[in-house]
Amino acid sequence: MSVQVYILIQTDVGKASSVAKAISQIAGVTLAEGVTGPYDVIMRAESPSMEELGRGVLSKVQAVPGITRTLTCPVTTY
C-alpha cells in the first residue's frame, strides 16, 4: 500500500510552466500540470510511506524555484 497526495501549487507570475516541468522530473511525482484558478499547478505523487513522501518528494517540490505556496491533500481510498 502506498501514500498518495495531490498538491495544489501557487507560483510566481509566469512560472507555472517551468514549475510543472521541474516537478514532473521528481521521482514519485505521477502528474504535474498547469491549471487555471486560484492555483497554478496541480500535481499528484505517491510513496511507500508518509515519511518517505515528506523526505523524498515534498522537500524536493518545496525547493523548486518559483513556488510561492502549496496545499497538500492526502488521498483517501475506500
C-alpha atoms as a PDB file:
ATOM      1  CA  MET A   1       0.000   0.000   0.000  1.00  0.00           C
ATOM      2  CA  SER A   2       1.257   3.472  -0.788  1.00  0.00           C
ATOM      3  CA  VAL A   3       0.502   7.007   0.307  1.00  0.00           C
ATOM      4  CA  GLN A   4      -0.877   9.294  -2.398  1.00  0.00           C
ATOM      5  CA  VAL A   5      -1.313  13.065  -2.337  1.00  0.00           C
ATOM      6  CA  TYR A   6      -2.424  15.877  -4.580  1.00  0.00           C
ATOM      7  CA  ILE A   7      -0.549  19.125  -4.108  1.00  0.00           C
ATOM      8  CA  LEU A   8      -2.039  22.418  -5.247  1.00  0.00           C
ATOM      9  CA  ILE A   9       0.669  24.940  -6.058  1.00  0.00           C
ATOM     10  CA  GLN A  10       0.719  28.708  -6.434  1.00  0.00           C
ATOM     11  CA  THR A  11       3.642  30.149  -8.379  1.00  0.00           C
ATOM     12  CA  ASP A  12       5.189  33.492  -9.196  1.00  0.00           C
ATOM     13  CA  VAL A  13       3.583  35.145 -12.233  1.00  0.00           C
ATOM     14  CA  GLY A  14       4.668  33.418 -15.443  1.00  0.00           C
ATOM     15  CA  LYS A  15       6.355  30.489 -13.680  1.00  0.00           C
ATOM     16  CA  ALA A  16       3.619  27.804 -13.855  1.00  0.00           C
ATOM     17  CA  SER A  17       5.056  26.067 -16.908  1.00  0.00           C
ATOM     18  CA  SER A  18       8.630  25.901 -15.627  1.00  0.00           C
ATOM     19  CA  VAL A  19       7.449  24.789 -12.170  1.00  0.00           C
ATOM     20  CA  ALA A  20       5.286  21.997 -13.639  1.00  0.00           C
ATOM     21  CA  LYS A  21       8.175  20.841 -15.822  1.00  0.00           C
ATOM     22  CA  ALA A  22      10.634  20.796 -12.907  1.00  0.00           C
ATOM     23  CA  ILE A  23       8.194  18.976 -10.627  1.00  0.00           C
ATOM     24  CA  SER A  24       7.436  16.319 -13.232  1.00  0.00           C
ATOM     25  CA  GLN A  25      11.117  15.281 -13.077  1.00  0.00           C
ATOM     26  CA  ILE A  26      10.986  14.459  -9.343  1.00  0.00           C
ATOM     27  CA  ALA A  27      10.860  10.741  -8.529  1.00  0.00           C
ATOM     28  CA  GLY A  28       7.474   9.798  -7.072  1.00  0.00           C
ATOM     29  CA  VAL A  29       5.565  12.501  -8.964  1.00  0.00           C
ATOM     30  CA  THR A  30       2.957  10.874 -11.216  1.00  0.00           C
ATOM     31  CA  LEU A  31       1.308  14.042 -12.571  1.00  0.00           C
ATOM     32  CA  ALA A  32       2.196  17.730 -12.815  1.00  0.00           C
ATOM     33  CA  GLU A  33       0.045  20.052 -14.915  1.00  0.00           C
ATOM     34  CA  GLY A  34      -0.698  23.732 -15.186  1.00  0.00           C
ATOM     35  CA  VAL A  35      -4.266  24.732 -14.288  1.00  0.00           C
ATOM     36  CA  THR A  36      -6.296  27.930 -14.087  1.00  0.00           C
ATOM     37  CA  GLY A  37      -7.954  29.334 -10.999  1.00  0.00           C
ATOM     38  CA  PRO A  38      -6.555  30.109  -7.559  1.00  0.00           C
ATOM     39  CA  TYR A  39      -3.733  27.578  -8.081  1.00  0.00           C
ATOM     40  CA  ASP A  40      -1.300  27.449 -10.990  1.00  0.00           C
ATOM     41  CA  VAL A  41      -0.123  23.828 -10.925  1.00  0.00           C
ATOM     42  CA  ILE A  42      -1.627  20.609  -9.617  1.00  0.00           C
ATOM     43  CA  MET A  43       0.489  17.549  -9.013  1.00  0.00           C
ATOM     44  CA  ARG A  44      -0.007  14.035  -7.774  1.00  0.00           C
ATOM     45  CA  ALA A  45       2.627  11.972  -6.009  1.00  0.00           C
ATOM     46  CA  GLU A  46       2.903   8.625  -4.304  1.00  0.00           C
ATOM     47  CA  SER A  47       5.359   6.971  -1.964  1.00  0.00           C
ATOM     48  CA  PRO A  48       5.501   3.855   0.231  1.00  0.00           C
ATOM     49  CA  SER A  49       5.021   5.900   3.436  1.00  0.00           C
ATOM     50  CA  MET A  50       4.187   9.425   4.589  1.00  0.00           C
ATOM     51  CA  GLU A  51       7.712   9.787   5.985  1.00  0.00           C
ATOM     52  CA  GLU A  52       9.290   8.869   2.644  1.00  0.00           C
ATOM     53  CA  LEU A  53       6.841  11.146   0.859  1.00  0.00           C
ATOM     54  CA  GLY A  54       7.928  14.072   3.020  1.00  0.00           C
ATOM     55  CA  ARG A  55      11.632  13.349   2.690  1.00  0.00           C
ATOM     56  CA  GLY A  56      11.770  12.182  -0.891  1.00  0.00           C
ATOM     57  CA  VAL A  57       9.095  14.172  -2.684  1.00  0.00           C
ATOM     58  CA  LEU A  58       7.684  17.100  -0.716  1.00  0.00           C
ATOM     59  CA  SER A  59      11.050  18.506   0.321  1.00  0.00           C
ATOM     60  CA  LYS A  60      12.178  18.489  -3.327  1.00  0.00           C
ATOM     61  CA  VAL A  61       8.934  20.077  -4.518  1.00  0.00           C
ATOM     62  CA  GLN A  62       9.258  22.906  -1.997  1.00  0.00           C
ATOM     63  CA  ALA A  63      12.795  23.595  -3.245  1.00  0.00           C
ATOM     64  CA  VAL A  64      11.648  24.244  -6.839  1.00  0.00           C
ATOM     65  CA  PRO A  65      12.197  27.927  -7.722  1.00  0.00           C
ATOM     66  CA  GLY A  66       9.039  29.937  -8.426  1.00  0.00           C
ATOM     67  CA  ILE A  67       6.725  28.226  -5.925  1.00  0.00           C
ATOM     68  CA  THR A  68       5.082  30.657  -3.510  1.00  0.00           C
ATOM     69  CA  ARG A  69       2.599  28.389  -1.697  1.00  0.00           C
ATOM     70  CA  THR A  70       1.460  24.761  -1.586  1.00  0.00           C
ATOM     71  CA  LEU A  71      -1.565  22.908  -0.237  1.00  0.00           C
ATOM     72  CA  THR A  72      -1.148  19.154   0.293  1.00  0.00           C
ATOM     73  CA  CYS A  73      -4.281  16.994   0.018  1.00  0.00           C
ATOM     74  CA  PRO A  74      -3.822  13.331   1.023  1.00  0.00           C
ATOM     75  CA  VAL A  75      -5.857  10.828  -0.985  1.00  0.00           C
ATOM     76  CA  THR A  76      -8.270   8.647   0.953  1.00  0.00           C
ATOM     77  CA  THR A  77      -9.094   5.296  -0.625  1.00  0.00           C
ATOM     78  CA  TYR A  78     -12.292   3.432   0.165  1.00  0.00           C
END
